[in-house]
N, C-alpha and C. Protein backbone atom coordinates (compact mmCIF):
# COMPACT_ATOMS: atom_id res chain seq x y z
N MET A 1 110.56 32.77 105.05
CA MET A 1 110.52 33.02 103.69
C MET A 1 109.92 34.49 103.52
N LYS A 2 110.45 35.08 104.91
CA LYS A 2 110.44 36.83 104.30
C LYS A 2 111.87 37.65 103.96
N THR A 3 112.23 36.06 105.17
CA THR A 3 114.44 36.67 104.84
C THR A 3 114.40 36.15 103.60
N THR A 4 113.61 35.11 102.50
CA THR A 4 114.61 34.73 101.43
C THR A 4 114.35 36.06 100.76
N ILE A 5 112.78 37.07 101.23
CA ILE A 5 112.48 37.96 99.81
C ILE A 5 113.53 39.25 100.20
N VAL A 6 114.06 38.99 101.38
CA VAL A 6 114.73 40.42 101.48
C VAL A 6 116.12 40.87 100.74
N LEU A 7 116.49 38.62 101.35
CA LEU A 7 117.61 39.01 100.98
C LEU A 7 117.52 38.64 98.27
N LEU A 8 117.27 38.41 98.29
CA LEU A 8 116.72 38.88 97.21
C LEU A 8 116.85 40.19 96.17
N TRP A 9 115.66 40.94 96.95
CA TRP A 9 115.47 42.21 96.84
C TRP A 9 117.09 42.63 97.02
N ALA A 10 118.11 42.58 97.95
CA ALA A 10 118.80 43.62 97.65
C ALA A 10 119.70 42.32 97.19
N LEU A 11 119.64 41.68 96.42
CA LEU A 11 121.07 41.09 95.81
C LEU A 11 120.81 41.97 94.62
N LEU A 12 118.93 41.95 93.69
CA LEU A 12 118.95 42.51 92.82
C LEU A 12 118.93 44.43 92.81
N THR A 13 119.03 44.67 93.94
CA THR A 13 119.01 46.07 93.67
C THR A 13 120.75 46.79 93.96
N ALA A 14 121.36 45.48 94.34
CA ALA A 14 123.16 45.47 93.78
C ALA A 14 123.82 45.29 92.93
N ALA A 15 123.20 44.24 91.87
CA ALA A 15 123.37 44.22 91.38
C ALA A 15 123.44 45.41 90.63
N PRO A 16 123.34 46.43 89.90
CA PRO A 16 123.52 47.46 89.04
C PRO A 16 125.17 47.53 89.48
N VAL A 17 124.72 48.25 90.54
CA VAL A 17 125.76 49.39 91.26
C VAL A 17 127.46 48.07 90.76
N PHE A 18 127.61 47.03 91.12
CA PHE A 18 128.43 45.89 90.74
C PHE A 18 128.65 45.61 89.55
N SER A 19 128.10 46.07 88.14
CA SER A 19 128.04 45.90 87.13
C SER A 19 128.34 47.67 87.00
N GLN A 20 128.14 48.75 86.99
CA GLN A 20 128.89 50.25 86.80
C GLN A 20 130.65 49.62 87.16
N GLN A 21 129.76 49.58 88.15
CA GLN A 21 131.53 49.53 89.14
C GLN A 21 132.84 48.66 88.12
N ASP A 22 132.67 47.16 87.25
CA ASP A 22 133.27 47.04 86.65
C ASP A 22 133.43 47.72 85.36
N VAL A 23 132.75 47.74 84.59
CA VAL A 23 132.36 48.76 84.09
C VAL A 23 133.52 50.12 83.84
N ARG A 24 133.47 50.02 85.10
CA ARG A 24 134.38 52.33 85.38
C ARG A 24 135.42 51.52 85.80
N THR A 25 135.48 50.67 86.03
CA THR A 25 136.57 50.44 86.82
C THR A 25 138.64 50.92 86.14
N ASP A 26 138.14 49.94 84.63
CA ASP A 26 139.40 49.94 83.39
C ASP A 26 138.28 50.59 82.35
N PRO A 27 139.08 51.71 81.59
CA PRO A 27 138.54 51.53 80.23
C PRO A 27 138.31 50.43 79.50
N GLN A 28 137.35 50.69 78.07
CA GLN A 28 136.90 49.11 77.50
C GLN A 28 136.90 49.74 76.24
N VAL A 29 137.12 49.34 74.55
CA VAL A 29 137.50 49.51 73.62
C VAL A 29 136.08 48.94 72.74
N SER A 30 135.41 48.95 72.44
CA SER A 30 133.96 48.15 71.20
C SER A 30 134.44 49.24 70.07
N ALA A 31 133.21 48.44 69.49
CA ALA A 31 133.08 49.01 67.68
C ALA A 31 132.58 49.92 68.28
N GLU A 32 132.06 51.46 69.16
CA GLU A 32 131.15 51.97 69.10
C GLU A 32 132.91 53.50 69.66
N GLY A 33 133.64 52.85 70.28
CA GLY A 33 135.00 53.62 70.14
C GLY A 33 135.31 53.61 71.51
N PHE A 34 136.05 54.16 72.54
CA PHE A 34 136.98 54.53 73.26
C PHE A 34 135.93 54.39 74.71
N LYS A 35 135.58 53.51 76.21
CA LYS A 35 134.54 53.90 76.64
C LYS A 35 134.86 54.11 78.17
N TRP A 36 135.13 55.69 78.83
CA TRP A 36 135.72 54.99 80.71
C TRP A 36 134.90 56.09 80.87
N PHE A 37 135.80 56.86 82.04
CA PHE A 37 134.72 58.23 82.20
C PHE A 37 135.19 59.61 81.74
N LEU A 38 133.29 60.75 81.68
CA LEU A 38 133.28 61.13 80.65
C LEU A 38 134.23 62.49 80.62
N LEU A 39 134.40 62.25 82.75
CA LEU A 39 134.45 64.01 83.11
C LEU A 39 133.56 64.53 83.40
N GLU A 40 132.61 64.18 83.37
CA GLU A 40 131.91 65.03 83.65
C GLU A 40 130.83 64.55 84.94
N GLU A 41 131.25 63.55 85.60
CA GLU A 41 130.88 63.02 86.28
C GLU A 41 131.08 64.26 87.39
N THR A 42 129.48 64.14 88.89
CA THR A 42 130.35 64.54 90.23
C THR A 42 130.15 63.78 90.78
N GLU A 43 130.94 64.38 92.42
CA GLU A 43 131.00 63.43 93.75
C GLU A 43 130.29 62.18 93.74
N LEU A 44 129.08 62.66 93.44
CA LEU A 44 127.65 61.75 93.83
C LEU A 44 127.92 60.91 93.19
N GLU A 45 127.90 60.85 91.35
CA GLU A 45 127.23 59.95 90.91
C GLU A 45 128.53 59.17 90.73
N VAL A 46 129.98 59.96 91.50
CA VAL A 46 130.85 58.91 91.55
C VAL A 46 130.86 57.66 92.71
N ARG A 47 130.55 58.41 93.65
CA ARG A 47 130.51 57.77 95.01
C ARG A 47 129.16 56.69 94.90
N ARG A 48 128.02 56.55 93.48
CA ARG A 48 127.39 55.77 93.93
C ARG A 48 128.28 54.64 92.61
N GLN A 49 128.43 54.67 91.87
CA GLN A 49 129.50 53.89 90.97
C GLN A 49 130.41 53.41 91.47
N LEU A 50 131.33 54.00 92.38
CA LEU A 50 132.55 52.70 92.98
C LEU A 50 132.69 52.38 94.52
N GLY A 51 131.76 53.22 95.49
CA GLY A 51 131.19 53.30 96.81
C GLY A 51 131.97 54.62 97.30
N GLN A 52 132.44 54.75 98.78
CA GLN A 52 133.17 55.25 98.75
C GLN A 52 134.83 54.69 99.33
N PRO A 53 135.69 55.74 98.88
CA PRO A 53 137.07 56.16 98.82
C PRO A 53 137.61 55.78 99.73
N VAL A 54 139.04 55.11 99.57
CA VAL A 54 139.04 54.39 101.04
C VAL A 54 140.36 55.79 101.99
N MET A 55 140.86 56.98 101.07
CA MET A 55 141.20 58.10 101.22
C MET A 55 140.79 59.17 100.89
N VAL A 56 140.95 60.10 101.15
CA VAL A 56 140.43 62.11 100.65
C VAL A 56 141.63 62.58 101.01
N ALA A 57 142.71 63.27 99.72
CA ALA A 57 143.63 64.44 100.58
C ALA A 57 142.99 65.31 99.45
N GLU A 58 142.77 66.57 100.20
CA GLU A 58 142.34 68.17 99.58
C GLU A 58 144.30 68.81 99.49
N PHE A 59 143.99 69.51 98.97
CA PHE A 59 145.17 69.89 97.72
C PHE A 59 144.75 71.29 97.02
N GLY A 60 144.91 73.10 97.46
CA GLY A 60 144.83 73.62 96.09
C GLY A 60 143.02 73.65 95.74
N GLU A 61 143.30 73.23 95.03
CA GLU A 61 141.60 73.52 94.73
C GLU A 61 141.15 72.67 94.47
N TYR A 62 142.02 71.40 94.91
CA TYR A 62 140.99 70.10 94.15
C TYR A 62 140.77 69.20 95.50
N ARG A 63 140.54 68.53 95.10
CA ARG A 63 140.08 66.72 96.25
C ARG A 63 140.39 65.29 95.25
N SER A 64 141.10 65.30 96.10
CA SER A 64 141.39 63.85 95.39
C SER A 64 140.89 62.52 96.27
N TRP A 65 139.58 60.80 95.84
CA TRP A 65 139.87 60.52 96.44
C TRP A 65 140.67 58.98 96.11
N GLN A 66 140.94 58.48 96.88
CA GLN A 66 142.04 56.82 96.50
C GLN A 66 140.51 55.83 96.42
N TYR A 67 141.17 54.95 96.12
CA TYR A 67 140.20 53.71 96.48
C TYR A 67 141.30 52.46 96.14
N GLN A 68 140.67 51.52 96.94
CA GLN A 68 141.08 50.74 96.54
C GLN A 68 140.51 48.96 95.61
N LEU A 69 140.36 49.10 94.93
CA LEU A 69 138.91 47.34 93.88
C LEU A 69 140.86 47.14 93.30
N GLY A 70 140.22 46.33 93.40
CA GLY A 70 140.74 44.88 93.40
C GLY A 70 141.65 44.55 93.62
N GLY A 71 142.42 43.77 93.32
CA GLY A 71 143.35 43.07 94.37
C GLY A 71 144.90 44.13 94.40
N VAL A 72 144.29 44.57 95.23
CA VAL A 72 145.83 45.76 95.38
C VAL A 72 146.16 45.07 97.13
N GLU A 73 147.90 46.09 97.39
CA GLU A 73 147.89 45.85 97.41
C GLU A 73 147.18 46.75 99.62
N HIS A 74 147.71 46.52 100.63
CA HIS A 74 146.50 47.18 101.47
C HIS A 74 147.14 48.83 101.67
N ASP A 75 148.46 49.14 101.25
CA ASP A 75 149.02 50.20 101.17
C ASP A 75 148.95 50.72 100.09
N GLU A 76 148.24 50.37 98.81
CA GLU A 76 148.92 51.07 97.38
C GLU A 76 146.56 51.45 97.10
N PHE A 77 146.82 51.74 96.42
CA PHE A 77 145.85 52.63 95.83
C PHE A 77 145.30 52.13 94.35
N SER A 78 144.42 52.05 93.77
CA SER A 78 143.78 51.06 92.79
C SER A 78 143.86 52.54 91.61
N HIS A 79 142.85 53.37 92.10
CA HIS A 79 142.53 54.30 91.67
C HIS A 79 142.63 55.65 92.42
N ALA A 80 143.51 56.86 91.74
CA ALA A 80 142.77 58.49 92.32
C ALA A 80 142.00 59.17 91.74
N LEU A 81 140.72 59.61 91.97
CA LEU A 81 139.97 60.54 90.94
C LEU A 81 140.36 61.52 91.80
N VAL A 82 140.21 62.85 91.18
CA VAL A 82 140.35 64.28 91.60
C VAL A 82 139.28 64.76 91.03
N PHE A 83 139.22 65.36 91.89
CA PHE A 83 137.65 67.20 91.51
C PHE A 83 138.14 68.16 91.72
N ARG A 84 137.17 69.03 91.20
CA ARG A 84 137.47 70.26 91.40
C ARG A 84 136.87 71.05 92.64
N LYS A 85 136.77 71.64 93.92
CA LYS A 85 136.05 71.59 94.74
C LYS A 85 134.51 72.98 94.63
N SER A 86 134.91 74.04 93.32
CA SER A 86 134.38 74.86 93.07
C SER A 86 133.32 74.67 92.50
N ASP A 87 133.06 73.01 92.14
CA ASP A 87 131.94 72.48 91.59
C ASP A 87 132.00 71.15 91.35
N GLY A 88 132.66 70.62 92.23
CA GLY A 88 132.66 68.81 92.75
C GLY A 88 132.98 68.11 91.65
N LYS A 89 133.00 68.89 90.06
CA LYS A 89 133.28 67.63 89.12
C LYS A 89 134.84 66.99 88.74
N LEU A 90 134.30 65.85 88.28
CA LEU A 90 135.53 65.14 87.92
C LEU A 90 136.90 65.57 87.09
N VAL A 91 137.41 65.62 87.54
CA VAL A 91 138.59 66.23 86.20
C VAL A 91 140.02 65.40 86.07
N SER A 92 139.57 64.41 87.03
CA SER A 92 141.40 63.32 86.17
C SER A 92 140.98 62.10 86.75
N VAL A 93 140.94 60.90 86.60
CA VAL A 93 141.08 59.60 86.69
C VAL A 93 142.31 58.85 87.03
N SER A 94 143.32 58.58 87.62
CA SER A 94 144.10 57.76 87.41
C SER A 94 143.67 55.82 87.64
N ARG A 95 144.86 55.41 86.88
CA ARG A 95 144.74 54.42 86.97
C ARG A 95 145.48 53.36 87.32
N ASN A 96 145.91 52.50 88.83
CA ASN A 96 147.48 52.53 88.69
C ASN A 96 147.38 51.16 88.87
N PHE A 97 149.11 49.87 87.67
CA PHE A 97 148.33 48.55 87.69
C PHE A 97 149.64 48.01 88.63
N ASP A 98 149.05 46.27 88.90
CA ASP A 98 149.72 45.89 89.85
C ASP A 98 151.18 45.98 89.32
N HIS A 99 150.12 45.50 87.98
CA HIS A 99 151.72 44.25 86.70
C HIS A 99 151.45 45.95 85.70
N ALA A 100 153.23 45.96 85.35
CA ALA A 100 152.66 46.57 84.06
C ALA A 100 151.84 46.24 83.33
N ARG A 101 151.03 46.52 81.92
CA ARG A 101 150.50 46.49 80.88
C ARG A 101 150.22 46.76 79.39
N ASN A 102 150.52 46.37 78.61
CA ASN A 102 149.91 46.95 77.64
C ASN A 102 148.93 47.42 76.65
N VAL A 103 149.22 48.71 76.78
CA VAL A 103 147.55 49.56 76.64
C VAL A 103 147.52 50.08 75.12
N ASP A 104 148.29 49.37 74.43
CA ASP A 104 148.57 49.96 73.15
C ASP A 104 146.53 50.05 72.62
N GLU A 105 145.60 49.41 72.96
CA GLU A 105 144.43 49.20 72.28
C GLU A 105 143.37 50.67 72.86
N PHE A 106 144.22 51.56 73.44
CA PHE A 106 143.64 51.91 73.64
C PHE A 106 144.22 53.79 73.26
N LEU A 107 145.26 52.71 72.43
CA LEU A 107 146.21 54.75 71.76
C LEU A 107 146.79 53.84 70.30
N PRO A 108 145.44 54.39 69.39
CA PRO A 108 145.77 53.15 68.14
C PRO A 108 146.68 54.43 67.40
N GLU A 109 147.53 53.69 66.42
CA GLU A 109 148.54 54.70 65.35
C GLU A 109 147.47 55.75 64.91
N GLY A 110 148.07 56.68 64.78
CA GLY A 110 147.37 58.63 64.38
C GLY A 110 146.56 58.90 64.59
N GLU A 111 146.41 58.06 66.48
CA GLU A 111 145.99 59.77 67.21
C GLU A 111 146.35 60.11 68.03
N THR A 112 147.88 58.55 68.56
CA THR A 112 147.93 59.09 69.20
C THR A 112 150.22 59.16 69.65
N THR A 113 150.17 60.38 70.42
CA THR A 113 151.57 61.18 69.97
C THR A 113 152.69 60.48 71.50
N THR A 114 154.00 60.88 71.30
CA THR A 114 155.28 60.72 72.13
C THR A 114 155.71 62.12 72.70
N HIS A 115 155.66 62.22 73.75
CA HIS A 115 155.94 64.03 74.33
C HIS A 115 157.45 63.06 75.38
N TRP A 116 157.92 64.17 75.20
CA TRP A 116 159.48 63.78 76.35
C TRP A 116 159.76 64.55 76.60
N PHE A 117 160.32 64.39 78.21
CA PHE A 117 160.76 65.23 79.82
C PHE A 117 162.05 65.11 79.50
N HIS A 118 162.72 65.80 79.57
CA HIS A 118 164.57 66.14 79.14
C HIS A 118 165.15 67.09 80.25
N SER A 119 166.02 66.57 81.30
CA SER A 119 165.93 66.85 82.07
C SER A 119 167.74 66.56 82.60
N ALA A 120 168.81 67.68 82.74
CA ALA A 120 170.30 67.58 82.94
C ALA A 120 169.70 66.15 84.77
N GLY A 121 170.67 65.40 83.52
CA GLY A 121 171.18 64.23 85.14
C GLY A 121 169.83 63.59 85.52
N GLN A 122 169.57 63.36 84.25
CA GLN A 122 168.38 62.67 84.66
C GLN A 122 167.48 61.71 82.95
N PRO A 123 167.38 60.78 83.28
CA PRO A 123 166.56 59.55 82.13
C PRO A 123 165.63 60.41 81.10
N ASP A 124 166.00 60.51 80.12
CA ASP A 124 164.58 60.93 79.39
C ASP A 124 163.28 59.75 79.37
N PHE A 125 162.17 61.29 79.93
CA PHE A 125 161.28 60.44 80.54
C PHE A 125 159.67 60.36 79.31
N GLY A 126 160.02 59.23 79.40
CA GLY A 126 157.87 59.85 78.07
C GLY A 126 156.91 59.09 77.60
N VAL A 127 156.25 59.76 77.88
CA VAL A 127 154.64 59.73 77.62
C VAL A 127 153.93 59.41 76.47
N ARG A 128 152.96 58.82 76.36
CA ARG A 128 152.25 58.99 75.49
C ARG A 128 150.49 59.40 75.07
N VAL A 129 150.01 60.12 74.68
CA VAL A 129 148.98 61.19 75.19
C VAL A 129 147.89 60.69 73.72
N ARG A 130 146.29 60.60 73.91
CA ARG A 130 145.79 60.22 72.66
C ARG A 130 144.96 61.63 73.74
N LYS A 131 144.69 62.45 72.32
CA LYS A 131 143.92 63.02 72.29
C LYS A 131 141.40 62.65 72.16
N LEU A 132 141.36 62.68 72.81
CA LEU A 132 139.45 61.64 72.96
C LEU A 132 138.49 63.08 72.58
N THR A 133 137.27 62.81 72.41
CA THR A 133 135.98 63.54 72.60
C THR A 133 136.17 64.03 73.72
N GLY A 134 134.90 64.84 74.09
CA GLY A 134 134.84 66.16 75.26
C GLY A 134 135.92 66.89 75.73
N GLY A 135 137.04 67.52 75.61
CA GLY A 135 138.37 67.86 75.72
C GLY A 135 138.61 66.72 76.72
N ARG A 136 138.85 65.81 76.42
CA ARG A 136 140.00 64.57 77.71
C ARG A 136 141.22 64.34 76.94
N VAL A 137 141.88 63.47 77.73
CA VAL A 137 143.05 63.52 77.14
C VAL A 137 143.56 61.84 77.69
N LEU A 138 143.99 61.34 77.12
CA LEU A 138 144.23 60.38 78.01
C LEU A 138 146.21 59.45 77.68
N ILE A 139 146.70 59.60 79.24
CA ILE A 139 147.53 59.64 79.19
C ILE A 139 149.15 57.71 79.37
N ALA A 140 149.93 57.49 78.10
CA ALA A 140 149.93 56.03 79.15
C ALA A 140 151.30 56.28 79.34
N VAL A 141 151.75 56.77 80.87
CA VAL A 141 152.58 57.22 81.50
C VAL A 141 153.48 55.99 81.04
N GLY A 142 155.69 56.76 81.07
CA GLY A 142 156.36 55.96 81.04
C GLY A 142 156.50 54.90 80.17
N VAL A 143 155.60 55.54 79.17
CA VAL A 143 155.97 54.18 78.17
C VAL A 143 156.10 55.41 76.16
N SER A 144 157.41 55.67 75.62
CA SER A 144 157.26 55.97 74.10
C SER A 144 156.66 55.49 72.77
N GLN A 145 156.92 53.64 72.62
CA GLN A 145 156.84 53.15 71.15
C GLN A 145 155.33 52.41 72.48
N ARG A 146 154.68 51.43 70.84
CA ARG A 146 153.86 50.44 71.40
C ARG A 146 154.90 49.06 70.94
N GLY A 147 153.96 48.78 72.30
CA GLY A 147 154.77 47.22 72.89
C GLY A 147 155.16 47.55 74.20
N GLN A 148 155.58 48.24 74.52
CA GLN A 148 155.90 48.77 76.20
C GLN A 148 155.10 48.47 77.23
N THR A 149 155.12 48.46 78.36
CA THR A 149 154.10 48.38 79.41
C THR A 149 154.18 49.50 80.72
N THR A 150 153.05 49.73 81.19
CA THR A 150 153.14 50.82 81.75
C THR A 150 152.06 50.18 83.11
N SER A 151 152.53 51.02 84.35
CA SER A 151 151.83 50.46 85.46
C SER A 151 150.17 51.59 85.47
N GLN A 152 150.82 52.91 84.68
CA GLN A 152 149.90 53.91 85.01
C GLN A 152 149.57 54.93 83.75
N LEU A 153 147.69 55.20 84.23
CA LEU A 153 147.06 56.23 83.12
C LEU A 153 146.56 55.98 83.74
N VAL A 154 146.17 57.78 82.60
CA VAL A 154 145.90 58.91 83.48
C VAL A 154 144.76 59.31 82.32
N LEU A 155 143.33 59.06 82.74
CA LEU A 155 142.35 60.12 81.55
C LEU A 155 142.58 61.89 82.65
N MET A 156 142.70 63.39 81.99
CA MET A 156 142.90 63.95 82.41
C MET A 156 141.48 65.29 81.27
N ARG A 157 141.18 66.23 81.65
CA ARG A 157 140.81 68.02 80.96
C ARG A 157 141.99 67.67 80.07
N GLU A 158 141.70 68.11 78.99
CA GLU A 158 143.39 69.09 79.02
C GLU A 158 143.01 70.34 79.39
N SER A 159 141.99 70.73 79.59
CA SER A 159 142.15 72.38 80.62
C SER A 159 142.74 72.18 81.51
N GLU A 160 142.68 70.72 81.93
CA GLU A 160 144.26 70.92 83.32
C GLU A 160 145.17 70.75 83.80
N LEU A 161 145.40 70.43 82.02
CA LEU A 161 147.21 69.68 81.65
C LEU A 161 148.28 70.95 82.86
N PRO A 162 147.46 72.14 82.28
CA PRO A 162 148.30 73.16 82.47
C PRO A 162 148.83 73.24 84.05
N HIS A 163 147.53 72.54 84.90
CA HIS A 163 147.57 72.93 86.60
C HIS A 163 148.48 70.96 86.78
N PHE A 164 148.47 70.10 86.07
CA PHE A 164 149.13 68.98 86.24
C PHE A 164 150.12 68.58 85.34
N TYR A 165 149.86 68.53 84.08
CA TYR A 165 151.78 68.99 83.32
C TYR A 165 151.82 69.35 82.02
N PRO A 166 152.58 71.21 83.42
CA PRO A 166 152.66 72.34 82.36
C PRO A 166 153.59 71.63 80.46
N TRP A 167 154.21 70.80 81.13
CA TRP A 167 155.62 70.82 79.96
C TRP A 167 155.13 69.89 78.55
N LEU A 168 153.65 69.05 79.08
CA LEU A 168 153.34 68.51 77.75
C LEU A 168 152.37 69.89 76.98
N LEU A 169 152.60 70.96 76.93
CA LEU A 169 151.79 72.02 76.48
C LEU A 169 153.13 73.42 75.88
N SER A 170 153.97 72.59 76.19
CA SER A 170 155.42 73.56 75.67
C SER A 170 155.27 73.08 73.84
N PRO A 171 156.07 74.63 73.85
CA PRO A 171 155.88 75.17 72.42
C PRO A 171 156.43 73.47 71.67
N GLY A 172 156.30 73.48 70.16
CA GLY A 172 157.68 73.50 69.60
C GLY A 172 156.26 71.71 69.35
N THR A 173 157.74 70.45 68.64
CA THR A 173 157.29 69.79 68.19
C THR A 173 157.13 68.11 69.67
N PRO A 174 156.20 67.18 69.77
CA PRO A 174 156.54 66.88 70.96
C PRO A 174 157.50 66.52 71.71
N ASP A 175 158.62 66.27 70.69
CA ASP A 175 159.39 65.45 71.81
C ASP A 175 160.24 66.22 71.97
N ARG A 176 160.02 67.60 71.77
CA ARG A 176 160.81 68.60 72.50
C ARG A 176 161.81 68.87 73.88
N ALA A 177 162.43 69.39 73.66
CA ALA A 177 163.11 69.57 75.52
C ALA A 177 162.23 70.25 75.94
N HIS A 178 161.83 70.43 77.28
CA HIS A 178 161.01 70.47 78.60
C HIS A 178 161.76 70.65 79.59
N SER A 179 161.63 71.88 79.96
CA SER A 179 162.21 73.08 81.29
C SER A 179 162.17 72.01 82.55
N ARG A 180 162.12 71.88 83.16
CA ARG A 180 161.87 71.41 84.15
C ARG A 180 161.18 72.41 85.36
N ARG A 181 159.25 72.63 85.84
CA ARG A 181 158.85 73.35 86.04
C ARG A 181 157.80 72.01 87.42
N PRO A 182 157.84 72.31 88.81
CA PRO A 182 156.98 71.57 89.25
C PRO A 182 156.04 71.87 89.64
N VAL A 183 155.12 70.99 89.32
CA VAL A 183 153.35 70.36 89.59
C VAL A 183 153.44 69.93 90.22
N GLU A 184 151.50 70.05 90.99
CA GLU A 184 151.06 69.03 91.62
C GLU A 184 150.30 67.91 91.60
N HIS A 185 150.75 67.25 91.83
CA HIS A 185 150.13 65.51 91.38
C HIS A 185 149.25 65.12 91.21
N PRO A 186 148.27 65.13 90.50
CA PRO A 186 147.04 64.91 90.87
C PRO A 186 146.19 64.00 91.92
N GLU A 187 147.48 62.60 92.04
CA GLU A 187 147.34 61.16 92.90
C GLU A 187 146.85 61.88 94.20
N ALA A 188 147.96 62.18 94.56
CA ALA A 188 148.52 62.52 96.30
C ALA A 188 148.30 64.29 96.79
N GLY A 189 148.55 65.05 96.26
CA GLY A 189 148.88 66.52 96.39
C GLY A 189 149.60 67.20 96.93
N ALA A 190 150.87 66.43 96.08
CA ALA A 190 151.87 66.53 96.73
C ALA A 190 152.66 67.01 95.26
N THR A 191 154.09 68.00 95.67
CA THR A 191 154.38 68.60 94.64
C THR A 191 155.87 68.39 94.31
N VAL A 192 155.85 67.86 92.85
CA VAL A 192 156.60 67.15 92.94
C VAL A 192 157.62 67.52 91.29
N GLU A 193 158.54 67.35 91.46
CA GLU A 193 160.06 67.79 90.18
C GLU A 193 159.21 66.90 88.37
N GLY A 194 157.78 67.82 87.71
CA GLY A 194 158.07 67.09 86.71
C GLY A 194 157.74 65.09 87.29
N PRO A 195 157.84 64.23 86.08
CA PRO A 195 156.84 63.25 86.17
C PRO A 195 158.20 62.75 87.12
N GLN A 196 158.86 62.96 87.02
CA GLN A 196 159.61 62.54 88.43
C GLN A 196 159.97 61.55 88.89
N ASN A 197 158.51 60.87 89.75
CA ASN A 197 158.15 60.38 90.98
C ASN A 197 158.54 59.23 90.99
N ARG A 198 159.44 57.92 89.53
CA ARG A 198 158.82 57.59 89.39
C ARG A 198 159.73 56.54 90.48
N SER A 199 159.24 55.06 90.24
CA SER A 199 158.75 53.85 91.56
C SER A 199 160.42 52.81 90.16
N PRO A 200 161.66 53.46 91.92
CA PRO A 200 161.97 52.61 91.62
C PRO A 200 162.16 50.41 91.44
N ALA A 201 161.41 50.56 91.99
CA ALA A 201 160.29 49.55 92.51
C ALA A 201 159.65 49.26 91.33
N ARG A 202 158.46 50.07 90.60
CA ARG A 202 158.44 49.24 89.36
C ARG A 202 158.80 49.50 88.15
N GLY A 203 160.64 49.78 88.30
CA GLY A 203 161.09 50.62 86.78
C GLY A 203 160.62 51.49 86.02
N THR A 204 161.16 51.61 84.88
CA THR A 204 161.62 53.80 84.89
C THR A 204 160.13 53.29 83.50
N GLN A 205 159.50 52.48 83.29
CA GLN A 205 158.32 53.00 83.11
C GLN A 205 157.36 53.17 83.57
N SER A 206 157.63 53.01 84.53
CA SER A 206 156.20 53.18 85.28
C SER A 206 156.17 54.45 86.86
N VAL A 207 155.11 55.61 87.35
CA VAL A 207 154.95 55.92 87.47
C VAL A 207 154.24 56.34 89.13
N GLU A 208 154.45 56.43 89.89
CA GLU A 208 154.23 55.85 91.26
C GLU A 208 153.97 58.06 91.89
N ALA A 209 152.51 57.54 92.56
CA ALA A 209 152.24 58.44 93.57
C ALA A 209 153.16 58.73 94.34
N PRO A 210 152.89 60.31 95.20
CA PRO A 210 154.42 59.67 96.66
C PRO A 210 152.52 59.25 97.17
N SER A 211 153.05 58.96 98.81
CA SER A 211 151.73 58.72 99.84
C SER A 211 150.88 59.87 100.29
N PRO A 212 149.59 59.87 100.24
CA PRO A 212 148.91 60.88 100.72
C PRO A 212 149.31 61.63 102.17
N LYS A 213 149.77 61.04 102.60
CA LYS A 213 150.07 61.01 103.85
C LYS A 213 151.38 62.41 103.99
N ALA A 214 152.36 61.59 103.36
CA ALA A 214 153.86 62.29 103.34
C ALA A 214 153.29 63.61 101.96
N ALA A 215 152.68 63.82 101.99
CA ALA A 215 152.49 64.94 100.89
C ALA A 215 152.74 66.94 101.55
N THR A 216 153.52 67.53 101.39
CA THR A 216 153.67 69.04 102.12
C THR A 216 152.05 69.48 101.53
N GLY A 217 151.34 70.46 102.93
CA GLY A 217 150.96 70.92 102.01
C GLY A 217 149.48 70.82 101.46
N ALA A 218 149.21 69.35 102.34
CA ALA A 218 147.91 68.78 101.72
C ALA A 218 147.45 68.55 102.46
N THR A 219 145.93 67.88 102.43
CA THR A 219 145.02 67.54 104.21
C THR A 219 144.45 66.08 103.30
N THR A 220 144.86 65.26 104.33
CA THR A 220 144.35 64.29 103.91
C THR A 220 143.64 63.20 104.78
N HIS A 221 142.46 62.36 104.63
CA HIS A 221 141.89 61.90 105.50
C HIS A 221 140.98 61.15 105.21
N SER A 222 140.91 59.74 105.92
CA SER A 222 140.36 58.63 105.22
C SER A 222 138.46 58.69 106.27
N GLN A 223 137.95 59.32 106.46
CA GLN A 223 136.97 59.59 106.73
C GLN A 223 136.29 59.91 104.96
N THR A 224 135.16 59.55 104.33
CA THR A 224 135.21 60.23 103.52
C THR A 224 134.11 61.43 103.57
N PRO A 225 133.79 61.68 102.88
CA PRO A 225 132.75 63.32 102.34
C PRO A 225 131.61 62.77 102.90
N GLU A 226 130.28 63.61 103.24
CA GLU A 226 128.71 62.71 103.46
C GLU A 226 128.26 62.88 102.21
N GLU A 227 127.61 62.13 101.98
CA GLU A 227 127.17 62.32 100.05
C GLU A 227 125.89 63.11 100.95
N ASN A 228 125.78 64.28 99.36
CA ASN A 228 125.01 65.01 99.54
C ASN A 228 123.39 64.85 99.54
């Protein structure tokens, strides 16, 4: 009897955690609007909601947590969350899909703009961007119009764009040609040339972050930070 009570208690206490994880795994749209991360969460709050990351990578003033939530390959990451080291606050969330998805429901007409990265000798690269409340932006990587599918969604603080997507902030219209600038990719902490880290295996409409193990100048480890 005692064992049964203990098991029931464990299930009841674990239920809210699973529920929170389901809500946080993917963005949602309801009558109340867009719901996902607020980008005000701390490392402690994220750990309570999603559990421990499988890998941690430190680069510059940021720390990236890699997760494997859902049915992903053993060497792939479904989510990458980036925190500022100085205050431990969440600044970016990347959702990598195993199979490209249509995300038009998150990017309504009238609230979404298309931006292009132009580079000599390379195919034009498009992203769709929506500004959200709370100083957030939602970026669908590798798509330029409705109906297309993407393998990556990025939710980021607009104030962090100069660090990761400086070409989105170039003056002029959204489709203006932008100059090439190296940026530190938040998913892995590696320095890459603009948005050109496209994975041939996933086609031209997807972006896949380089492996943290191969990142130059980034400290990576699989041991997770201890809870404060």
